[in-house]
PDB file of N, CA and C in Angstrom:
ATOM      1  N   MET A   1      90.246 108.344 107.215  1.00  0.00           N
ATOM      2  CA  MET A   1      91.678 108.295 106.980  1.00  0.00           C
ATOM      3  C   MET A   1      91.922 107.877 105.526  1.00  0.00           C
ATOM      4  N   ASN A   2      92.819 108.560 104.854  1.00  0.00           N
ATOM      5  CA  ASN A   2      93.143 108.280 103.466  1.00  0.00           C
ATOM      6  C   ASN A   2      94.341 107.338 103.412  1.00  0.00           C
ATOM      7  N   MET A   3      94.087 106.058 103.101  1.00  0.00           N
ATOM      8  CA  MET A   3      95.178 105.076 103.022  1.00  0.00           C
ATOM      9  C   MET A   3      95.378 104.692 101.565  1.00  0.00           C
ATOM     10  N   LYS A   4      96.579 104.855 101.102  1.00  0.00           N
ATOM     11  CA  LYS A   4      96.905 104.488  99.727  1.00  0.00           C
ATOM     12  C   LYS A   4      97.520 103.099  99.709  1.00  0.00           C
ATOM     13  N   THR A   5      97.248 102.376  98.647  1.00  0.00           N
ATOM     14  CA  THR A   5      97.814 101.042  98.485  1.00  0.00           C
ATOM     15  C   THR A   5      99.301 101.163  98.165  1.00  0.00           C
ATOM     16  N   PRO A   6     100.161 100.511  98.934  1.00  0.00           N
ATOM     17  CA  PRO A   6     101.592 100.555  98.604  1.00  0.00           C
ATOM     18  C   PRO A   6     101.861  99.786  97.307  1.00  0.00           C
ATOM     19  N   ILE A   7     102.803 100.290  96.528  1.00  0.00           N
ATOM     20  CA  ILE A   7     103.142  99.637  95.270  1.00  0.00           C
ATOM     21  C   ILE A   7     104.623  99.292  95.228  1.00  0.00           C
ATOM     22  N   GLU A   8     104.926  98.333  94.401  1.00  0.00           N
ATOM     23  CA  GLU A   8     106.312  97.972  94.107  1.00  0.00           C
ATOM     24  C   GLU A   8     106.629  98.531  92.725  1.00  0.00           C
ATOM     25  N   TYR A   9     107.755  99.166  92.586  1.00  0.00           N
ATOM     26  CA  TYR A   9     108.183  99.777  91.328  1.00  0.00           C
ATOM     27  C   TYR A   9     109.380  99.001  90.814  1.00  0.00           C
ATOM     28  N   LEU A  10     109.337  98.630  89.544  1.00  0.00           N
ATOM     29  CA  LEU A  10     110.381  97.814  88.932  1.00  0.00           C
ATOM     30  C   LEU A  10     110.726  98.393  87.569  1.00  0.00           C
ATOM     31  N   ILE A  11     111.984  98.378  87.220  1.00  0.00           N
ATOM     32  CA  ILE A  11     112.383  98.759  85.868  1.00  0.00           C
ATOM     33  C   ILE A  11     113.096  97.568  85.241  1.00  0.00           C
ATOM     34  N   VAL A  12     112.500  97.037  84.176  1.00  0.00           N
ATOM     35  CA  VAL A  12     113.127  95.959  83.413  1.00  0.00           C
ATOM     36  C   VAL A  12     114.161  96.618  82.494  1.00  0.00           C
ATOM     37  N   ALA A  13     115.391  96.113  82.506  1.00  0.00           N
ATOM     38  CA  ALA A  13     116.479  96.705  81.722  1.00  0.00           C
ATOM     39  C   ALA A  13     117.140  95.652  80.848  1.00  0.00           C
ATOM     40  N   MET A  14     117.430  96.043  79.617  1.00  0.00           N
ATOM     41  CA  MET A  14     118.139  95.176  78.673  1.00  0.00           C
ATOM     42  C   MET A  14     119.170  96.007  77.922  1.00  0.00           C
ATOM     43  N   PRO A  15     120.347  95.450  77.664  1.00  0.00           N
ATOM     44  CA  PRO A  15     121.304  96.162  76.808  1.00  0.00           C
ATOM     45  C   PRO A  15     120.693  96.375  75.427  1.00  0.00           C
ATOM     46  N   PHE A  16     120.885  97.561  74.864  1.00  0.00           N
ATOM     47  CA  PHE A  16     120.317  97.870  73.549  1.00  0.00           C
ATOM     48  C   PHE A  16     121.325  97.562  72.453  1.00  0.00           C
ATOM     49  N   HIS A  17     120.856  96.796  71.478  1.00  0.00           N
ATOM     50  CA  HIS A  17     121.618  96.536  70.260  1.00  0.00           C
ATOM     51  C   HIS A  17     120.677  96.818  69.098  1.00  0.00           C
ATOM     52  N   ALA A  18     121.225  97.119  67.955  1.00  0.00           N
ATOM     53  CA  ALA A  18     120.402  97.505  66.805  1.00  0.00           C
ATOM     54  C   ALA A  18     119.582  96.349  66.236  1.00  0.00           C
ATOM     55  N   ASP A  19     119.826  95.133  66.677  1.00  0.00           N
ATOM     56  CA  ASP A  19     119.082  94.008  66.110  1.00  0.00           C
ATOM     57  C   ASP A  19     117.749  93.798  66.842  1.00  0.00           C
ATOM     58  N   ALA A  20     116.876  93.057  66.221  1.00  0.00           N
ATOM     59  CA  ALA A  20     115.534  92.839  66.764  1.00  0.00           C
ATOM     60  C   ALA A  20     115.555  91.993  68.032  1.00  0.00           C
ATOM     61  N   ALA A  21     116.610  91.229  68.268  1.00  0.00           N
ATOM     62  CA  ALA A  21     116.666  90.362  69.443  1.00  0.00           C
ATOM     63  C   ALA A  21     116.530  91.164  70.732  1.00  0.00           C
ATOM     64  N   THR A  22     117.060  92.366  70.752  1.00  0.00           N
ATOM     65  CA  THR A  22     116.945  93.219  71.947  1.00  0.00           C
ATOM     66  C   THR A  22     115.485  93.451  72.290  1.00  0.00           C
ATOM     67  N   HIS A  23     114.689  93.774  71.285  1.00  0.00           N
ATOM     68  CA  HIS A  23     113.267  94.045  71.504  1.00  0.00           C
ATOM     69  C   HIS A  23     112.546  92.779  71.961  1.00  0.00           C
ATOM     70  N   GLU A  24     112.912  91.646  71.379  1.00  0.00           N
ATOM     71  CA  GLU A  24     112.298  90.379  71.773  1.00  0.00           C
ATOM     72  C   GLU A  24     112.670  90.021  73.210  1.00  0.00           C
ATOM     73  N   ASP A  25     113.911  90.249  73.597  1.00  0.00           N
ATOM     74  CA  ASP A  25     114.345  89.959  74.967  1.00  0.00           C
ATOM     75  C   ASP A  25     113.594  90.837  75.966  1.00  0.00           C
ATOM     76  N   LEU A  26     113.478  92.122  75.653  1.00  0.00           N
ATOM     77  CA  LEU A  26     112.750  93.030  76.531  1.00  0.00           C
ATOM     78  C   LEU A  26     111.284  92.612  76.611  1.00  0.00           C
ATOM     79  N   ALA A  27     110.675  92.295  75.481  1.00  0.00           N
ATOM     80  CA  ALA A  27     109.264  91.879  75.459  1.00  0.00           C
ATOM     81  C   ALA A  27     109.065  90.602  76.271  1.00  0.00           C
ATOM     82  N   ARG A  28     109.974  89.659  76.156  1.00  0.00           N
ATOM     83  CA  ARG A  28     109.864  88.397  76.894  1.00  0.00           C
ATOM     84  C   ARG A  28     109.912  88.662  78.407  1.00  0.00           C
ATOM     85  N   GLU A  29     110.845  89.498  78.839  1.00  0.00           N
ATOM     86  CA  GLU A  29     110.970  89.810  80.265  1.00  0.00           C
ATOM     87  C   GLU A  29     109.755  90.592  80.761  1.00  0.00           C
ATOM     88  N   VAL A  30     109.286  91.548  79.979  1.00  0.00           N
ATOM     89  CA  VAL A  30     108.101  92.328  80.357  1.00  0.00           C
ATOM     90  C   VAL A  30     106.877  91.414  80.441  1.00  0.00           C
ATOM     91  N   ASN A  31     106.706  90.521  79.482  1.00  0.00           N
ATOM     92  CA  ASN A  31     105.568  89.596  79.516  1.00  0.00           C
ATOM     93  C   ASN A  31     105.623  88.688  80.737  1.00  0.00           C
ATOM     94  N   GLN A  32     106.812  88.261  81.126  1.00  0.00           N
ATOM     95  CA  GLN A  32     106.965  87.447  82.336  1.00  0.00           C
ATOM     96  C   GLN A  32     106.485  88.230  83.548  1.00  0.00           C
ATOM     97  N   ARG A  33     106.903  89.496  83.635  1.00  0.00           N
ATOM     98  CA  ARG A  33     106.491  90.336  84.770  1.00  0.00           C
ATOM     99  C   ARG A  33     104.991  90.615  84.747  1.00  0.00           C
ATOM    100  N   LEU A  34     104.411  90.774  83.553  1.00  0.00           N
ATOM    101  CA  LEU A  34     102.961  90.966  83.460  1.00  0.00           C
ATOM    102  C   LEU A  34     102.225  89.752  84.026  1.00  0.00           C
ATOM    103  N   SER A  35     102.755  88.557  83.764  1.00  0.00           N
ATOM    104  CA  SER A  35     102.123  87.341  84.278  1.00  0.00           C
ATOM    105  C   SER A  35     102.258  87.231  85.797  1.00  0.00           C
ATOM    106  N   GLU A  36     103.196  87.995  86.392  1.00  0.00           N
ATOM    107  CA  GLU A  36     103.389  88.011  87.842  1.00  0.00           C
ATOM    108  C   GLU A  36     102.574  89.113  88.527  1.00  0.00           C
ATOM    109  N   GLY A  37     101.736  89.808  87.750  1.00  0.00           N
ATOM    110  CA  GLY A  37     100.875  90.827  88.333  1.00  0.00           C
ATOM    111  C   GLY A  37     101.351  92.262  88.178  1.00  0.00           C
ATOM    112  N   TYR A  38     102.469  92.467  87.508  1.00  0.00           N
ATOM    113  CA  TYR A  38     102.945  93.831  87.263  1.00  0.00           C
ATOM    114  C   TYR A  38     102.128  94.462  86.144  1.00  0.00           C
ATOM    115  N   GLU A  39     102.107  95.787  86.118  1.00  0.00           N
ATOM    116  CA  GLU A  39     101.466  96.548  85.060  1.00  0.00           C
ATOM    117  C   GLU A  39     102.496  97.500  84.469  1.00  0.00           C
ATOM    118  N   LEU A  40     102.315  97.830  83.185  1.00  0.00           N
ATOM    119  CA  LEU A  40     103.204  98.793  82.550  1.00  0.00           C
ATOM    120  C   LEU A  40     103.018 100.150  83.201  1.00  0.00           C
ATOM    121  N   TYR A  41     104.096 100.880  83.350  1.00  0.00           N
ATOM    122  CA  TYR A  41     104.059 102.218  83.926  1.00  0.00           C
ATOM    123  C   TYR A  41     104.796 103.127  82.962  1.00  0.00           C
ATOM    124  N   GLY A  42     104.065 103.683  82.027  1.00  0.00           N
ATOM    125  CA  GLY A  42     104.687 104.529  81.007  1.00  0.00           C
ATOM    126  C   GLY A  42     105.233 103.709  79.852  1.00  0.00           C
ATOM    127  N   SER A  43     105.962 104.393  79.004  1.00  0.00           N
ATOM    128  CA  SER A  43     106.511 103.788  77.787  1.00  0.00           C
ATOM    129  C   SER A  43     107.938 103.318  78.009  1.00  0.00           C
ATOM    130  N   PRO A  44     108.389 102.355  77.193  1.00  0.00           N
ATOM    131  CA  PRO A  44     109.799 101.979  77.266  1.00  0.00           C
ATOM    132  C   PRO A  44     110.659 103.169  76.839  1.00  0.00           C
ATOM    133  N   PHE A  45     111.900 103.220  77.340  1.00  0.00           N
ATOM    134  CA  PHE A  45     112.789 104.308  76.947  1.00  0.00           C
ATOM    135  C   PHE A  45     114.216 103.800  76.832  1.00  0.00           C
ATOM    136  N   LEU A  46     115.033 104.555  76.120  1.00  0.00           N
ATOM    137  CA  LEU A  46     116.445 104.230  75.891  1.00  0.00           C
ATOM    138  C   LEU A  46     117.313 105.225  76.641  1.00  0.00           C
ATOM    139  N   ARG A  47     118.426 104.730  77.171  1.00  0.00           N
ATOM    140  CA  ARG A  47     119.406 105.621  77.799  1.00  0.00           C
ATOM    141  C   ARG A  47     120.737 104.883  77.890  1.00  0.00           C
ATOM    142  N   GLU A  48     121.761 105.509  77.369  1.00  0.00           N
ATOM    143  CA  GLU A  48     123.120 104.986  77.455  1.00  0.00           C
ATOM    144  C   GLU A  48     123.220 103.500  77.106  1.00  0.00           C
ATOM    145  N   GLU A  49     122.767 103.157  75.928  1.00  0.00           N
ATOM    146  CA  GLU A  49     122.870 101.799  75.388  1.00  0.00           C
ATOM    147  C   GLU A  49     122.061 100.761  76.153  1.00  0.00           C
ATOM    148  N   MET A  50     121.019 101.207  76.863  1.00  0.00           N
ATOM    149  CA  MET A  50     120.117 100.296  77.573  1.00  0.00           C
ATOM    150  C   MET A  50     118.679 100.651  77.209  1.00  0.00           C
ATOM    151  N   MET A  51     117.821  99.634  77.194  1.00  0.00           N
ATOM    152  CA  MET A  51     116.373  99.819  77.028  1.00  0.00           C
ATOM    153  C   MET A  51     115.722  99.527  78.374  1.00  0.00           C
ATOM    154  N   TYR A  52     114.726 100.326  78.735  1.00  0.00           N
ATOM    155  CA  TYR A  52     114.060 100.182  80.028  1.00  0.00           C
ATOM    156  C   TYR A  52     112.548 100.186  79.863  1.00  0.00           C
ATOM    157  N   GLN A  53     111.862  99.435  80.715  1.00  0.00           N
ATOM    158  CA  GLN A  53     110.406  99.480  80.802  1.00  0.00           C
ATOM    159  C   GLN A  53     110.012  99.546  82.273  1.00  0.00           C
ATOM    160  N   PRO A  54     109.497 100.687  82.726  1.00  0.00           N
ATOM    161  CA  PRO A  54     109.028 100.781  84.106  1.00  0.00           C
ATOM    162  C   PRO A  54     107.735  99.979  84.284  1.00  0.00           C
ATOM    163  N   MET A  55     107.606  99.367  85.450  1.00  0.00           N
ATOM    164  CA  MET A  55     106.420  98.566  85.775  1.00  0.00           C
ATOM    165  C   MET A  55     106.100  98.735  87.263  1.00  0.00           C
ATOM    166  N   THR A  56     104.850  98.515  87.619  1.00  0.00           N
ATOM    167  CA  THR A  56     104.432  98.574  89.031  1.00  0.00           C
ATOM    168  C   THR A  56     103.465  97.442  89.313  1.00  0.00           C
ATOM    169  N   ARG A  57     103.297  97.148  90.612  1.00  0.00           N
ATOM    170  CA  ARG A  57     102.228  96.253  91.047  1.00  0.00           C
ATOM    171  C   ARG A  57     101.916  96.585  92.506  1.00  0.00           C
ATOM    172  N   ALA A  58     100.673  96.347  92.878  1.00  0.00           N
ATOM    173  CA  ALA A  58     100.258  96.590  94.254  1.00  0.00           C
ATOM    174  C   ALA A  58     100.901  95.538  95.153  1.00  0.00           C
ATOM    175  N   LEU A  59     101.370  95.974  96.305  1.00  0.00           N
ATOM    176  CA  LEU A  59     101.945  95.049  97.273  1.00  0.00           C
ATOM    177  C   LEU A  59     100.820  94.430  98.102  1.00  0.00           C
ATOM    178  N   SER A  60     100.954  93.174  98.382  1.00  0.00           N
ATOM    179  CA  SER A  60      99.989  92.501  99.246  1.00  0.00           C
ATOM    180  C   SER A  60     100.128  93.057 100.651  1.00  0.00           C
ATOM    181  N   GLN A  61      99.023  93.306 101.262  1.00  0.00           N
ATOM    182  CA  GLN A  61      99.040  93.823 102.626  1.00  0.00           C
ATOM    183  C   GLN A  61      98.660  92.703 103.601  1.00  0.00           C
ATOM    184  N   PRO A  62      99.360  92.597 104.694  1.00  0.00           N
ATOM    185  CA  PRO A  62      98.952  91.605 105.707  1.00  0.00           C
ATOM    186  C   PRO A  62      97.622  92.044 106.305  1.00  0.00           C
ATOM    187  N   PRO A  63      96.811  91.109 106.793  1.00  0.00           N
ATOM    188  CA  PRO A  63      95.550  91.482 107.416  1.00  0.00           C
ATOM    189  C   PRO A  63      95.793  92.415 108.599  1.00  0.00           C
ATOM    190  N   ALA A  64      94.870  93.322 108.819  1.00  0.00           N
ATOM    191  CA  ALA A  64      94.986  94.266 109.930  1.00  0.00           C
ATOM    192  C   ALA A  64      94.842  93.512 111.246  1.00  0.00           C
ATOM    193  N   ALA A  65      95.626  93.901 112.238  1.00  0.00           N
ATOM    194  CA  ALA A  65      95.542  93.259 113.554  1.00  0.00           C
ATOM    195  C   ALA A  65      94.222  93.610 114.218  1.00  0.00           C
ATOM    196  N   ALA A  66      93.635  92.647 114.854  1.00  0.00           N
ATOM    197  CA  ALA A  66      92.336  92.872 115.501  1.00  0.00           C
ATOM    198  C   ALA A  66      92.508  93.454 116.883  1.00  0.00           C
TER     199      ALA A  66
END
């Protein structure tokens, strides 16, 4: 049987402003999520005055019932 590990998908979002603080805020939030076990999923992107970084992590599975 082919069982795939379930994942959690998260997109970190920050309002985009032309100043460097936006990038620092996004980096700070992404680094926090990395410390929680998330991994980067693709590159950051911009859309409608927002910056986004997709992230994923494997979900913990409960032990199989005996």
